[in-house]
Amino acid sequence: MIKFGVIGLGIGERHLSALVDDERVLVEVVCDLDINKATKIASRYDVSNYCADWRELVDSFELDAVIVATYDHDHAEQIIQFLKHNVHIFIEKPLCTTIEELDAIELEYTQANNRSSLLVSSNFILRREKRFVTLKERIMSGELGSIYSVEASYDYGRINKILEGWRGTSPNYSVMNGGGIHMIDLCQWLISESFAPLYAIQNKVVTKNSPFKAPDFTSALGKLGKDAIFKVTANFGSQTPHFHQLKIYGTKGTFINDCAQGTYYFGHEPNVIKEIDQNPFPCANKGDLLPNFVDAIIGKSCLDINFKDVSSVMRTSLQIDLLAVNSEYV
């Protein structure tokens, strides 16, 4: 049995519900800053141990793996400590909040991996959306031709969460790290190319007179691989449903994902062929990547999203914020 701990029982509870159904897993302990929540959830899922201080998972339990679903600004310290104790880590994005934290995590991971083969993955769940899985297959088959332009926007549509929740008081909070990073990972995965941001800009208009401290809109432009132009936006003040806007332009076809549906277009006017993607969206669940994580721990399969993937997309997202801070308009 693989012994797991789960820290952070907001989103973490959704991971927990997936883990308890896996006969290869024993959830040894759950942890949340709210001890009453930890107590109730431990009882709900028949977990024997619970606590309010995540350090107890390091000091008092011999865990094989941990789910980290805590506040963004706590991630770096927690990851480093679990790496020091040779624990596999599945973390809610982002990996960390600063370049300095990322450097420290990469160094600790290298040292830990030299002692024993450790797995670190993250919940880039858009890779499990059937609509995007189909899209990747069609891109890879050449059906859309050579991709020359990609536009992606993480439209949050949940402004109350940044005005009233922990994000409003979190140091170094970033809408790109907190949301846009999903679109960076998705598009790099779809095209099988890396994003090199060249320009970035951000503003704070929607939440201008609110307690939320960070910019609520960030947009970056650069190259995706050798030829494609990529624009990615984190739009946390949008008056929309929560959605993942995506436009992929190829020499043979175009795909557009908007608030209503996914659509393929082939040909030029007056002979444009329109094809509606019938896959439900969204359909992926928070725990859908966990079976692969468990498979990889026991050596049954390779990890779909490995540490190199996670640290690379994290560094790109952090670079976008640095570019935006240095732009003329903030």
C-alpha atoms as a PDB file:
ATOM      1  CA  MET A   1       0.000   0.000   0.000  1.00  0.00           C
ATOM      2  CA  ILE A   2       1.187   3.479  -0.840  1.00  0.00           C
ATOM      3  CA  LYS A   3       0.784   5.722   2.194  1.00  0.00           C
ATOM      4  CA  PHE A   4      -0.526   9.191   1.309  1.00  0.00           C
ATOM      5  CA  GLY A   5      -1.068  12.403   3.191  1.00  0.00           C
ATOM      6  CA  VAL A   6      -3.330  15.215   1.972  1.00  0.00           C
ATOM      7  CA  ILE A   7      -2.683  18.840   2.946  1.00  0.00           C
ATOM      8  CA  GLY A   8      -5.299  21.512   2.273  1.00  0.00           C
ATOM      9  CA  LEU A   9      -8.861  20.226   2.310  1.00  0.00           C
ATOM     10  CA  GLY A  10     -10.531  22.668  -0.059  1.00  0.00           C
ATOM     11  CA  ILE A  11      -9.507  21.353  -3.476  1.00  0.00           C
ATOM     12  CA  GLY A  12      -7.561  18.698  -1.590  1.00  0.00           C
ATOM     13  CA  GLU A  13     -10.794  16.985  -0.612  1.00  0.00           C
ATOM     14  CA  ARG A  14     -11.489  16.315  -4.286  1.00  0.00           C
ATOM     15  CA  HIS A  15      -8.114  14.590  -4.555  1.00  0.00           C
ATOM     16  CA  LEU A  16      -8.856  12.705  -1.354  1.00  0.00           C
ATOM     17  CA  SER A  17     -12.135  11.371  -2.749  1.00  0.00           C
ATOM     18  CA  ALA A  18     -10.214   9.927  -5.709  1.00  0.00           C
ATOM     19  CA  LEU A  19      -7.479   8.420  -3.544  1.00  0.00           C
ATOM     20  CA  VAL A  20      -9.792   6.570  -1.160  1.00  0.00           C
ATOM     21  CA  ASP A  21     -11.275   4.661  -4.105  1.00  0.00           C
ATOM     22  CA  ASP A  22      -7.838   3.363  -5.140  1.00  0.00           C
ATOM     23  CA  GLU A  23      -7.172  -0.018  -3.535  1.00  0.00           C
ATOM     24  CA  ARG A  24      -3.415   0.538  -3.888  1.00  0.00           C
ATOM     25  CA  VAL A  25      -3.542   3.598  -1.622  1.00  0.00           C
ATOM     26  CA  LEU A  26      -3.870   4.133   2.119  1.00  0.00           C
ATOM     27  CA  VAL A  27      -4.611   7.729   3.103  1.00  0.00           C
ATOM     28  CA  GLU A  28      -2.730   7.894   6.383  1.00  0.00           C
ATOM     29  CA  VAL A  29      -3.448  11.509   7.391  1.00  0.00           C
ATOM     30  CA  VAL A  30      -5.287  14.652   6.298  1.00  0.00           C
ATOM     31  CA  CYS A  31      -4.336  18.184   7.277  1.00  0.00           C
ATOM     32  CA  ASP A  32      -5.977  21.594   7.171  1.00  0.00           C
ATOM     33  CA  LEU A  33      -5.429  24.883   8.987  1.00  0.00           C
ATOM     34  CA  ASP A  34      -9.040  24.560  10.142  1.00  0.00           C
ATOM     35  CA  ILE A  35      -8.862  21.626  12.560  1.00  0.00           C
ATOM     36  CA  ASN A  36     -12.653  21.306  12.593  1.00  0.00           C
ATOM     37  CA  LYS A  37     -12.625  20.800   8.829  1.00  0.00           C
ATOM     38  CA  ALA A  38      -9.791  18.277   9.133  1.00  0.00           C
ATOM     39  CA  THR A  39     -11.730  16.371  11.790  1.00  0.00           C
ATOM     40  CA  LYS A  40     -14.943  16.253   9.766  1.00  0.00           C
ATOM     41  CA  ILE A  41     -13.249  15.226   6.537  1.00  0.00           C
ATOM     42  CA  ALA A  42     -11.160  12.556   8.242  1.00  0.00           C
ATOM     43  CA  SER A  43     -14.382  11.102   9.633  1.00  0.00           C
ATOM     44  CA  ARG A  44     -16.187  11.424   6.289  1.00  0.00           C
ATOM     45  CA  TYR A  45     -13.512   9.439   4.439  1.00  0.00           C
ATOM     46  CA  ASP A  46     -12.583   7.097   7.279  1.00  0.00           C
ATOM     47  CA  VAL A  47      -9.034   8.469   7.620  1.00  0.00           C
ATOM     48  CA  SER A  48      -7.455   7.589  10.972  1.00  0.00           C
ATOM     49  CA  ASN A  49      -5.293  10.682  11.479  1.00  0.00           C
ATOM     50  CA  TYR A  50      -5.792  14.426  11.079  1.00  0.00           C
ATOM     51  CA  CYS A  51      -3.976  17.600  12.090  1.00  0.00           C
ATOM     52  CA  ALA A  52      -3.779  21.359  11.545  1.00  0.00           C
ATOM     53  CA  ASP A  53       0.010  21.691  11.146  1.00  0.00           C
ATOM     54  CA  TRP A  54       1.448  20.214   7.936  1.00  0.00           C
ATOM     55  CA  ARG A  55       4.822  19.743   9.651  1.00  0.00           C
ATOM     56  CA  GLU A  56       3.313  16.834  11.563  1.00  0.00           C
ATOM     57  CA  LEU A  57       3.225  14.919   8.290  1.00  0.00           C
ATOM     58  CA  VAL A  58       7.003  15.278   8.117  1.00  0.00           C
ATOM     59  CA  ASP A  59       7.734  14.672  11.808  1.00  0.00           C
ATOM     60  CA  SER A  60       5.190  12.029  12.811  1.00  0.00           C
ATOM     61  CA  PHE A  61       4.320   9.942   9.751  1.00  0.00           C
ATOM     62  CA  GLU A  62       6.279   7.764   7.341  1.00  0.00           C
ATOM     63  CA  LEU A  63       4.576   8.706   4.092  1.00  0.00           C
ATOM     64  CA  ASP A  64       5.314   7.562   0.566  1.00  0.00           C
ATOM     65  CA  ALA A  65       3.504  10.444  -1.113  1.00  0.00           C
ATOM     66  CA  VAL A  66       1.657  13.658  -0.355  1.00  0.00           C
ATOM     67  CA  ILE A  67      -0.970  15.827  -2.025  1.00  0.00           C
ATOM     68  CA  VAL A  68      -0.216  19.523  -1.513  1.00  0.00           C
ATOM     69  CA  ALA A  69      -3.312  21.686  -2.062  1.00  0.00           C
ATOM     70  CA  THR A  70      -2.466  24.583   0.250  1.00  0.00           C
ATOM     71  CA  TYR A  71      -2.152  28.319  -0.387  1.00  0.00           C
ATOM     72  CA  ASP A  72       0.267  29.231  -3.176  1.00  0.00           C
ATOM     73  CA  HIS A  73       2.687  31.070  -0.901  1.00  0.00           C
ATOM     74  CA  ASP A  74       3.144  27.972   1.290  1.00  0.00           C
ATOM     75  CA  HIS A  75       4.074  25.592  -1.499  1.00  0.00           C
ATOM     76  CA  ALA A  76       7.828  26.139  -1.724  1.00  0.00           C
ATOM     77  CA  GLU A  77       8.570  25.458   1.947  1.00  0.00           C
ATOM     78  CA  GLN A  78       6.342  22.403   1.975  1.00  0.00           C
ATOM     79  CA  ILE A  79       7.792  20.945  -1.230  1.00  0.00           C
ATOM     80  CA  ILE A  80      11.360  21.384  -0.053  1.00  0.00           C
ATOM     81  CA  GLN A  81      10.655  19.695   3.270  1.00  0.00           C
ATOM     82  CA  PHE A  82       8.954  16.717   1.665  1.00  0.00           C
ATOM     83  CA  LEU A  83      11.789  16.366  -0.838  1.00  0.00           C
ATOM     84  CA  LYS A  84      14.243  16.311   2.072  1.00  0.00           C
ATOM     85  CA  HIS A  85      12.257  13.399   3.498  1.00  0.00           C
ATOM     86  CA  ASN A  86      12.089  11.480   0.198  1.00  0.00           C
ATOM     87  CA  VAL A  87       8.325  11.836  -0.285  1.00  0.00           C
ATOM     88  CA  HIS A  88       6.683  11.830  -3.734  1.00  0.00           C
ATOM     89  CA  ILE A  89       4.695  15.039  -4.299  1.00  0.00           C
ATOM     90  CA  PHE A  90       1.548  15.823  -6.267  1.00  0.00           C
ATOM     91  CA  ILE A  91       0.923  19.545  -6.048  1.00  0.00           C
ATOM     92  CA  GLU A  92      -1.825  21.902  -7.074  1.00  0.00           C
ATOM     93  CA  LYS A  93      -0.356  24.616  -9.284  1.00  0.00           C
ATOM     94  CA  PRO A  94       1.625  26.757  -8.967  1.00  0.00           C
ATOM     95  CA  LEU A  95       4.787  25.041  -7.809  1.00  0.00           C
ATOM     96  CA  CYS A  96       5.914  28.274  -6.117  1.00  0.00           C
ATOM     97  CA  THR A  97       5.620  32.070  -6.344  1.00  0.00           C
ATOM     98  CA  THR A  98       9.129  33.430  -7.061  1.00  0.00           C
ATOM     99  CA  ILE A  99      12.188  32.632  -9.159  1.00  0.00           C
ATOM    100  CA  GLU A 100      14.236  32.270  -5.962  1.00  0.00           C
ATOM    101  CA  GLU A 101      11.826  29.648  -4.631  1.00  0.00           C
ATOM    102  CA  LEU A 102      11.934  27.780  -7.924  1.00  0.00           C
ATOM    103  CA  ASP A 103      15.743  27.741  -7.912  1.00  0.00           C
ATOM    104  CA  ALA A 104      15.710  26.335  -4.371  1.00  0.00           C
ATOM    105  CA  ILE A 105      13.151  23.660  -5.274  1.00  0.00           C
ATOM    106  CA  GLU A 106      15.112  22.579  -8.359  1.00  0.00           C
ATOM    107  CA  LEU A 107      18.294  22.292  -6.302  1.00  0.00           C
ATOM    108  CA  GLU A 108      16.551  20.265  -3.590  1.00  0.00           C
ATOM    109  CA  TYR A 109      14.909  18.020  -6.178  1.00  0.00           C
ATOM    110  CA  THR A 110      18.278  17.259  -7.792  1.00  0.00           C
ATOM    111  CA  GLN A 111      19.761  16.328  -4.428  1.00  0.00           C
ATOM    112  CA  ALA A 112      16.735  14.241  -3.441  1.00  0.00           C
ATOM    113  CA  ASN A 113      16.610  12.472  -6.792  1.00  0.00           C
ATOM    114  CA  ASN A 114      20.246  11.498  -6.408  1.00  0.00           C
ATOM    115  CA  ARG A 115      19.303   9.691  -3.174  1.00  0.00           C
ATOM    116  CA  SER A 116      16.180   7.983  -4.507  1.00  0.00           C
ATOM    117  CA  SER A 117      14.021   8.352  -7.566  1.00  0.00           C
ATOM    118  CA  LEU A 118      11.331  10.836  -6.539  1.00  0.00           C
ATOM    119  CA  LEU A 119       8.264  11.898  -8.486  1.00  0.00           C
ATOM    120  CA  VAL A 120       6.901  15.439  -8.498  1.00  0.00           C
ATOM    121  CA  SER A 121       3.807  16.173 -10.564  1.00  0.00           C
ATOM    122  CA  SER A 122       1.126  18.841 -10.763  1.00  0.00           C
ATOM    123  CA  ASN A 123      -2.566  18.977 -11.540  1.00  0.00           C
ATOM    124  CA  PHE A 124      -2.592  20.341 -15.093  1.00  0.00           C
ATOM    125  CA  ILE A 125      -5.976  18.758 -15.558  1.00  0.00           C
ATOM    126  CA  LEU A 126      -6.738  20.335 -18.956  1.00  0.00           C
ATOM    127  CA  ARG A 127      -4.600  17.573 -20.457  1.00  0.00           C
ATOM    128  CA  ARG A 128      -7.408  15.187 -19.494  1.00  0.00           C
ATOM    129  CA  GLU A 129     -10.231  17.117 -21.160  1.00  0.00           C
ATOM    130  CA  LYS A 130     -11.600  14.936 -23.969  1.00  0.00           C
ATOM    131  CA  ARG A 131     -12.022  17.984 -26.204  1.00  0.00           C
ATOM    132  CA  PHE A 132      -8.332  18.835 -25.905  1.00  0.00           C
ATOM    133  CA  VAL A 133      -7.181  15.205 -26.136  1.00  0.00           C
ATOM    134  CA  THR A 134      -9.009  14.975 -29.476  1.00  0.00           C
ATOM    135  CA  LEU A 135      -7.541  18.317 -30.549  1.00  0.00           C
ATOM    136  CA  LYS A 136      -4.000  17.134 -29.813  1.00  0.00           C
ATOM    137  CA  GLU A 137      -4.571  13.973 -31.842  1.00  0.00           C
ATOM    138  CA  ARG A 138      -5.781  16.019 -34.813  1.00  0.00           C
ATOM    139  CA  ILE A 139      -2.884  18.471 -34.544  1.00  0.00           C
ATOM    140  CA  MET A 140      -0.340  15.648 -34.336  1.00  0.00           C
ATOM    141  CA  SER A 141      -1.912  13.897 -37.341  1.00  0.00           C
ATOM    142  CA  GLY A 142      -1.316  17.027 -39.418  1.00  0.00           C
ATOM    143  CA  GLU A 143      -5.019  17.638 -39.995  1.00  0.00           C
ATOM    144  CA  LEU A 144      -4.687  21.331 -39.049  1.00  0.00           C
ATOM    145  CA  GLY A 145      -1.432  21.716 -40.964  1.00  0.00           C
ATOM    146  CA  SER A 146       1.439  23.789 -39.618  1.00  0.00           C
ATOM    147  CA  ILE A 147       0.398  25.780 -36.534  1.00  0.00           C
ATOM    148  CA  TYR A 148       1.332  29.443 -36.895  1.00  0.00           C
ATOM    149  CA  SER A 149      -0.767  31.219 -34.242  1.00  0.00           C
ATOM    150  CA  VAL A 150      -2.140  30.255 -30.832  1.00  0.00           C
ATOM    151  CA  GLU A 151      -4.247  32.437 -28.526  1.00  0.00           C
ATOM    152  CA  ALA A 152      -5.304  31.306 -25.062  1.00  0.00           C
ATOM    153  CA  SER A 153      -7.091  33.056 -22.226  1.00  0.00           C
ATOM    154  CA  TYR A 154      -7.821  31.786 -18.737  1.00  0.00           C
ATOM    155  CA  ASP A 155     -11.094  33.608 -18.043  1.00  0.00           C
ATOM    156  CA  TYR A 156     -11.615  33.157 -14.325  1.00  0.00           C
ATOM    157  CA  GLY A 157     -15.123  34.602 -13.960  1.00  0.00           C
ATOM    158  CA  ARG A 158     -15.084  34.163 -10.155  1.00  0.00           C
ATOM    159  CA  ILE A 159     -14.174  37.596  -8.885  1.00  0.00           C
ATOM    160  CA  ASN A 160     -15.600  36.929  -5.417  1.00  0.00           C
ATOM    161  CA  LYS A 161     -12.797  34.404  -4.820  1.00  0.00           C
ATOM    162  CA  ILE A 162     -10.102  37.020  -5.275  1.00  0.00           C
ATOM    163  CA  LEU A 163     -11.984  39.764  -3.466  1.00  0.00           C
ATOM    164  CA  GLU A 164     -13.039  37.703  -0.450  1.00  0.00           C
ATOM    165  CA  GLY A 165     -10.685  34.726  -0.287  1.00  0.00           C
ATOM    166  CA  TRP A 166      -7.043  34.090   0.605  1.00  0.00           C
ATOM    167  CA  ARG A 167      -5.790  35.348  -2.768  1.00  0.00           C
ATOM    168  CA  GLY A 168      -6.486  38.925  -1.721  1.00  0.00           C
ATOM    169  CA  THR A 169      -3.968  38.791   1.102  1.00  0.00           C
ATOM    170  CA  SER A 170      -1.458  36.303  -0.296  1.00  0.00           C
ATOM    171  CA  PRO A 171       2.063  37.693  -0.820  1.00  0.00           C
ATOM    172  CA  ASN A 172       3.358  37.450  -4.407  1.00  0.00           C
ATOM    173  CA  TYR A 173      -0.035  36.350  -5.718  1.00  0.00           C
ATOM    174  CA  SER A 174      -0.081  36.197  -9.504  1.00  0.00           C
ATOM    175  CA  VAL A 175      -3.050  35.612 -11.809  1.00  0.00           C
ATOM    176  CA  MET A 176      -0.688  34.108 -14.388  1.00  0.00           C
ATOM    177  CA  ASN A 177       0.763  31.655 -11.856  1.00  0.00           C
ATOM    178  CA  GLY A 178      -2.659  30.994 -10.362  1.00  0.00           C
ATOM    179  CA  GLY A 179      -4.586  30.476 -13.598  1.00  0.00           C
ATOM    180  CA  GLY A 180      -2.840  31.410 -16.834  1.00  0.00           C
ATOM    181  CA  ILE A 181      -0.243  28.722 -16.178  1.00  0.00           C
ATOM    182  CA  HIS A 182      -2.900  26.140 -17.094  1.00  0.00           C
ATOM    183  CA  MET A 183      -3.090  27.620 -20.584  1.00  0.00           C
ATOM    184  CA  ILE A 184       0.690  27.738 -20.950  1.00  0.00           C
ATOM    185  CA  ASP A 185       0.932  24.042 -20.077  1.00  0.00           C
ATOM    186  CA  LEU A 186      -2.047  23.120 -22.265  1.00  0.00           C
ATOM    187  CA  CYS A 187      -0.709  24.847 -25.370  1.00  0.00           C
ATOM    188  CA  GLN A 188       2.849  23.559 -24.933  1.00  0.00           C
ATOM    189  CA  TRP A 189       1.376  20.048 -24.612  1.00  0.00           C
ATOM    190  CA  LEU A 190      -0.950  20.454 -27.593  1.00  0.00           C
ATOM    191  CA  ILE A 191       1.764  21.722 -29.931  1.00  0.00           C
ATOM    192  CA  SER A 192       4.674  19.801 -28.352  1.00  0.00           C
ATOM    193  CA  GLU A 193       6.711  23.012 -28.285  1.00  0.00           C
ATOM    194  CA  SER A 194       8.019  25.361 -25.578  1.00  0.00           C
ATOM    195  CA  PHE A 195       6.834  28.918 -25.037  1.00  0.00           C
ATOM    196  CA  ALA A 196       9.386  31.730 -24.988  1.00  0.00           C
ATOM    197  CA  PRO A 197       7.653  34.928 -23.779  1.00  0.00           C
ATOM    198  CA  LEU A 198       9.031  38.148 -25.282  1.00  0.00           C
ATOM    199  CA  TYR A 199       6.586  40.805 -24.064  1.00  0.00           C
ATOM    200  CA  ALA A 200       4.117  41.018 -21.185  1.00  0.00           C
ATOM    201  CA  ILE A 201       1.815  43.629 -19.755  1.00  0.00           C
ATOM    202  CA  GLN A 202      -0.688  43.747 -16.912  1.00  0.00           C
ATOM    203  CA  ASN A 203      -3.239  46.037 -15.359  1.00  0.00           C
ATOM    204  CA  LYS A 204      -5.580  46.346 -12.400  1.00  0.00           C
ATOM    205  CA  VAL A 205      -8.817  47.929 -13.524  1.00  0.00           C
ATOM    206  CA  VAL A 206     -11.608  45.602 -12.412  1.00  0.00           C
ATOM    207  CA  THR A 207     -10.318  45.352  -8.826  1.00  0.00           C
ATOM    208  CA  LYS A 208      -8.823  48.847  -8.678  1.00  0.00           C
ATOM    209  CA  ASN A 209     -10.651  49.966  -5.534  1.00  0.00           C
ATOM    210  CA  SER A 210     -10.662  46.612  -3.766  1.00  0.00           C
ATOM    211  CA  PRO A 211      -8.421  45.013  -1.111  1.00  0.00           C
ATOM    212  CA  PHE A 212      -7.031  42.633  -3.766  1.00  0.00           C
ATOM    213  CA  LYS A 213      -3.412  43.742  -4.141  1.00  0.00           C
ATOM    214  CA  ALA A 214      -2.217  42.078  -7.341  1.00  0.00           C
ATOM    215  CA  PRO A 215      -2.936  42.972 -10.977  1.00  0.00           C
ATOM    216  CA  ASP A 216      -6.061  41.143 -12.127  1.00  0.00           C
ATOM    217  CA  PHE A 217      -5.125  40.960 -15.828  1.00  0.00           C
ATOM    218  CA  THR A 218      -1.861  39.801 -17.395  1.00  0.00           C
ATOM    219  CA  SER A 219      -1.130  39.126 -21.048  1.00  0.00           C
ATOM    220  CA  ALA A 220       2.051  37.847 -22.703  1.00  0.00           C
ATOM    221  CA  LEU A 221       3.214  37.452 -26.289  1.00  0.00           C
ATOM    222  CA  GLY A 222       6.037  35.327 -27.636  1.00  0.00           C
ATOM    223  CA  LYS A 223       7.033  32.310 -29.700  1.00  0.00           C
ATOM    224  CA  LEU A 224       5.705  28.787 -29.304  1.00  0.00           C
ATOM    225  CA  GLY A 225       8.446  26.714 -30.812  1.00  0.00           C
ATOM    226  CA  LYS A 226      10.223  28.022 -33.889  1.00  0.00           C
ATOM    227  CA  ASP A 227       7.365  29.461 -35.929  1.00  0.00           C
ATOM    228  CA  ALA A 228       4.113  29.907 -33.992  1.00  0.00           C
ATOM    229  CA  ILE A 229       3.145  33.185 -32.289  1.00  0.00           C
ATOM    230  CA  PHE A 230       1.537  32.638 -28.889  1.00  0.00           C
ATOM    231  CA  LYS A 231      -0.554  35.054 -26.840  1.00  0.00           C
ATOM    232  CA  VAL A 232      -1.627  33.931 -23.374  1.00  0.00           C
ATOM    233  CA  THR A 233      -3.828  35.886 -20.974  1.00  0.00           C
ATOM    234  CA  ALA A 234      -4.891  35.477 -17.355  1.00  0.00           C
ATOM    235  CA  ASN A 235      -8.147  37.419 -17.040  1.00  0.00           C
ATOM    236  CA  PHE A 236      -9.385  37.197 -13.464  1.00  0.00           C
ATOM    237  CA  GLY A 237     -11.848  40.103 -13.645  1.00  0.00           C
ATOM    238  CA  SER A 238     -13.830  38.779 -16.604  1.00  0.00           C
ATOM    239  CA  GLN A 239     -17.614  38.982 -16.565  1.00  0.00           C
ATOM    240  CA  THR A 240     -17.931  35.505 -18.041  1.00  0.00           C
ATOM    241  CA  PRO A 241     -18.351  31.950 -16.887  1.00  0.00           C
ATOM    242  CA  HIS A 242     -15.137  30.302 -15.755  1.00  0.00           C
ATOM    243  CA  PHE A 243     -13.714  29.152 -19.061  1.00  0.00           C
ATOM    244  CA  HIS A 244     -10.650  28.334 -21.140  1.00  0.00           C
ATOM    245  CA  GLN A 245     -10.665  30.348 -24.347  1.00  0.00           C
ATOM    246  CA  LEU A 246      -8.485  28.876 -27.069  1.00  0.00           C
ATOM    247  CA  LYS A 247      -7.779  29.639 -30.729  1.00  0.00           C
ATOM    248  CA  ILE A 248      -5.362  27.545 -32.753  1.00  0.00           C
ATOM    249  CA  TYR A 249      -4.678  28.568 -36.353  1.00  0.00           C
ATOM    250  CA  GLY A 250      -3.061  26.132 -38.765  1.00  0.00           C
ATOM    251  CA  THR A 251      -2.372  26.212 -42.485  1.00  0.00           C
ATOM    252  CA  LYS A 252      -5.103  23.601 -43.083  1.00  0.00           C
ATOM    253  CA  GLY A 253      -7.571  24.288 -40.298  1.00  0.00           C
ATOM    254  CA  THR A 254      -8.535  26.305 -37.230  1.00  0.00           C
ATOM    255  CA  PHE A 255      -9.885  25.288 -33.826  1.00  0.00           C
ATOM    256  CA  ILE A 256     -11.752  27.682 -31.527  1.00  0.00           C
ATOM    257  CA  ASN A 257     -12.920  26.908 -27.996  1.00  0.00           C
ATOM    258  CA  ASP A 258     -15.281  29.533 -26.614  1.00  0.00           C
ATOM    259  CA  CYS A 259     -17.900  29.753 -23.902  1.00  0.00           C
ATOM    260  CA  ALA A 260     -20.420  27.809 -25.927  1.00  0.00           C
ATOM    261  CA  GLN A 261     -18.552  25.109 -27.820  1.00  0.00           C
ATOM    262  CA  GLY A 262     -15.457  23.852 -29.570  1.00  0.00           C
ATOM    263  CA  THR A 263     -15.426  24.365 -33.326  1.00  0.00           C
ATOM    264  CA  TYR A 264     -13.147  23.312 -36.177  1.00  0.00           C
ATOM    265  CA  TYR A 265     -13.009  25.309 -39.402  1.00  0.00           C
ATOM    266  CA  PHE A 266     -11.532  24.076 -42.672  1.00  0.00           C
ATOM    267  CA  GLY A 267     -11.198  26.017 -45.921  1.00  0.00           C
ATOM    268  CA  HIS A 268     -11.618  29.625 -47.034  1.00  0.00           C
ATOM    269  CA  GLU A 269     -14.719  31.616 -47.920  1.00  0.00           C
ATOM    270  CA  PRO A 270     -17.030  30.848 -49.575  1.00  0.00           C
ATOM    271  CA  ASN A 271     -16.222  27.198 -48.913  1.00  0.00           C
ATOM    272  CA  VAL A 272     -15.606  27.118 -45.158  1.00  0.00           C
ATOM    273  CA  ILE A 273     -16.511  23.806 -43.547  1.00  0.00           C
ATOM    274  CA  LYS A 274     -17.616  24.091 -39.913  1.00  0.00           C
ATOM    275  CA  GLU A 275     -17.387  21.102 -37.577  1.00  0.00           C
ATOM    276  CA  ILE A 276     -18.667  21.135 -33.987  1.00  0.00           C
ATOM    277  CA  ASP A 277     -16.709  19.123 -31.429  1.00  0.00           C
ATOM    278  CA  GLN A 278     -19.197  16.879 -29.626  1.00  0.00           C
ATOM    279  CA  ASN A 279     -17.038  16.114 -26.597  1.00  0.00           C
ATOM    280  CA  PRO A 280     -18.554  17.431 -23.331  1.00  0.00           C
ATOM    281  CA  PHE A 281     -16.648  20.322 -21.766  1.00  0.00           C
ATOM    282  CA  PRO A 282     -15.551  20.475 -19.074  1.00  0.00           C
ATOM    283  CA  CYS A 283     -15.560  16.777 -18.228  1.00  0.00           C
ATOM    284  CA  ALA A 284     -12.275  16.183 -16.356  1.00  0.00           C
ATOM    285  CA  ASN A 285     -12.270  15.814 -12.575  1.00  0.00           C
ATOM    286  CA  LYS A 286      -9.598  17.101 -10.186  1.00  0.00           C
ATOM    287  CA  GLY A 287      -8.420  13.604  -9.361  1.00  0.00           C
ATOM    288  CA  ASP A 288      -8.124  12.280 -12.912  1.00  0.00           C
ATOM    289  CA  LEU A 289      -4.319  12.535 -12.997  1.00  0.00           C
ATOM    290  CA  LEU A 290      -3.847  10.633  -9.728  1.00  0.00           C
ATOM    291  CA  PRO A 291      -4.119   7.071 -11.126  1.00  0.00           C
ATOM    292  CA  ASN A 292      -1.136   7.781 -13.385  1.00  0.00           C
ATOM    293  CA  PHE A 293       0.759   9.276 -10.421  1.00  0.00           C
ATOM    294  CA  VAL A 294       0.135   6.108  -8.399  1.00  0.00           C
ATOM    295  CA  ASP A 295       1.017   3.920 -11.398  1.00  0.00           C
ATOM    296  CA  ALA A 296       4.331   5.746 -11.729  1.00  0.00           C
ATOM    297  CA  ILE A 297       5.143   5.350  -8.024  1.00  0.00           C
ATOM    298  CA  ILE A 298       4.721   1.587  -8.206  1.00  0.00           C
ATOM    299  CA  GLY A 299       6.623   1.440 -11.499  1.00  0.00           C
ATOM    300  CA  LYS A 300       3.668   0.414 -13.656  1.00  0.00           C
ATOM    301  CA  SER A 301       3.935   3.353 -16.077  1.00  0.00           C
ATOM    302  CA  CYS A 302       5.819   6.572 -16.794  1.00  0.00           C
ATOM    303  CA  LEU A 303       4.638   9.808 -15.205  1.00  0.00           C
ATOM    304  CA  ASP A 304       2.612  11.836 -17.699  1.00  0.00           C
ATOM    305  CA  ILE A 305       3.526  15.188 -16.109  1.00  0.00           C
ATOM    306  CA  ASN A 306       6.990  15.040 -14.549  1.00  0.00           C
ATOM    307  CA  PHE A 307       9.113  17.462 -12.555  1.00  0.00           C
ATOM    308  CA  LYS A 308      10.809  18.807 -15.663  1.00  0.00           C
ATOM    309  CA  ASP A 309       7.399  19.688 -17.144  1.00  0.00           C
ATOM    310  CA  VAL A 310       6.215  21.329 -13.931  1.00  0.00           C
ATOM    311  CA  SER A 311       9.362  23.363 -13.256  1.00  0.00           C
ATOM    312  CA  SER A 312       9.651  24.450 -16.898  1.00  0.00           C
ATOM    313  CA  VAL A 313       6.120  25.834 -17.134  1.00  0.00           C
ATOM    314  CA  MET A 314       6.570  27.439 -13.706  1.00  0.00           C
ATOM    315  CA  ARG A 315       9.697  29.268 -14.829  1.00  0.00           C
ATOM    316  CA  THR A 316       7.931  30.502 -17.961  1.00  0.00           C
ATOM    317  CA  SER A 317       5.008  31.845 -15.925  1.00  0.00           C
ATOM    318  CA  LEU A 318       7.352  33.603 -13.506  1.00  0.00           C
ATOM    319  CA  GLN A 319       9.257  35.132 -16.423  1.00  0.00           C
ATOM    320  CA  ILE A 320       5.992  36.565 -17.734  1.00  0.00           C
ATOM    321  CA  ASP A 321       5.388  38.380 -14.449  1.00  0.00           C
ATOM    322  CA  LEU A 322       8.931  39.769 -14.495  1.00  0.00           C
ATOM    323  CA  LEU A 323       8.436  41.018 -18.058  1.00  0.00           C
ATOM    324  CA  ALA A 324       5.116  42.599 -17.078  1.00  0.00           C
ATOM    325  CA  VAL A 325       6.567  44.369 -14.047  1.00  0.00           C
ATOM    326  CA  ASN A 326       9.247  45.870 -16.283  1.00  0.00           C
ATOM    327  CA  SER A 327       6.766  46.994 -18.944  1.00  0.00           C
ATOM    328  CA  GLU A 328       5.757  50.625 -19.337  1.00  0.00           C
ATOM    329  CA  TYR A 329       2.222  50.199 -18.031  1.00  0.00           C
ATOM    330  CA  VAL A 330       1.334  48.334 -14.863  1.00  0.00           C
END
